[in-house]
Amino acid sequence: MEDDLDPREAERIRRRDQDLDAEGRALMNPGMGKVFKQIQDAQAKAPKESPPKESPPRRKRCARA
């Protein structure tokens, strides 16, 4: 299939795929272990916390004629 593509189009697809993979590679950079740990801690803590209190329903205003 790639043989049928224009060289410019093939290069554009390659760059797009590389950009999409960049997010995943960024998490592997040195120092990202701390961020990963913070995310894990926040996810573990979330179910233990009580759910936020719901505010009372708002009253509807009467339409004036």
Protein backbone atom coordinates (compact mmCIF):
# COMPACT_ATOMS: atom_id res chain seq x y z
CA MET A 1 0.00 0.00 0.00
CA GLU A 2 2.84 2.43 0.82
CA ASP A 3 4.25 1.94 -2.66
CA ASP A 4 1.16 3.63 -4.09
CA LEU A 5 1.64 6.78 -1.98
CA ASP A 6 3.25 9.98 -3.08
CA PRO A 7 6.62 10.44 -1.24
CA ARG A 8 5.32 13.63 0.38
CA GLU A 9 2.22 11.81 1.64
CA ALA A 10 4.32 8.93 2.99
CA GLU A 11 6.51 11.41 4.88
CA ARG A 12 3.44 13.15 6.31
CA ILE A 13 2.07 9.82 7.57
CA ARG A 14 5.45 8.93 9.09
CA ARG A 15 5.59 12.26 10.96
CA ARG A 16 2.00 11.84 12.17
CA ASP A 17 2.76 8.37 13.51
CA GLN A 18 5.93 9.63 15.19
CA ASP A 19 4.01 12.48 16.86
CA LEU A 20 1.39 10.05 18.15
CA ASP A 21 4.09 7.83 19.66
CA ALA A 22 5.85 10.80 21.28
CA GLU A 23 3.37 11.00 24.18
CA GLY A 24 4.07 7.43 25.19
CA ARG A 25 7.82 7.92 24.89
CA ALA A 26 7.68 11.09 27.00
CA LEU A 27 6.51 9.05 29.98
CA MET A 28 9.71 7.03 29.77
CA ASN A 29 11.96 10.08 30.24
CA PRO A 30 14.10 10.25 33.40
CA GLY A 31 12.24 11.84 36.28
CA MET A 32 8.81 10.71 35.13
CA GLY A 33 8.76 8.01 37.82
CA LYS A 34 7.82 10.69 40.35
CA VAL A 35 4.89 11.80 38.20
CA PHE A 36 3.79 8.20 37.76
CA LYS A 37 3.91 7.67 41.53
CA GLN A 38 1.85 10.84 42.11
CA ILE A 39 -0.78 9.62 39.66
CA GLN A 40 -0.92 6.20 41.32
CA ASP A 41 -1.23 7.78 44.77
CA ALA A 42 -4.05 10.07 43.62
CA GLN A 43 -5.93 7.16 42.04
CA ALA A 44 -5.55 5.04 45.18
CA LYS A 45 -6.72 7.90 47.39
CA ALA A 46 -9.76 8.84 45.28
CA PRO A 47 -12.04 5.90 46.23
CA LYS A 48 -11.25 6.39 49.94
CA GLU A 49 -12.47 9.99 49.93
CA SER A 50 -16.14 10.69 50.43
CA PRO A 51 -17.99 11.82 47.32
CA PRO A 52 -18.46 15.59 47.05
CA LYS A 53 -21.66 16.94 48.51
CA GLU A 54 -24.28 17.79 45.96
CA SER A 55 -25.60 21.31 46.04
CA PRO A 56 -29.35 21.72 46.47
CA PRO A 57 -31.29 22.07 43.22
CA ARG A 58 -31.65 25.62 42.00
CA ARG A 59 -35.05 27.24 41.97
CA LYS A 60 -36.52 28.23 38.67
CA ARG A 61 -37.52 31.83 38.24
CA CYS A 62 -41.05 32.67 37.33
CA ALA A 63 -41.46 34.23 33.94
CA ARG A 64 -42.97 37.68 34.10
CA ALA A 65 -45.47 38.67 31.51
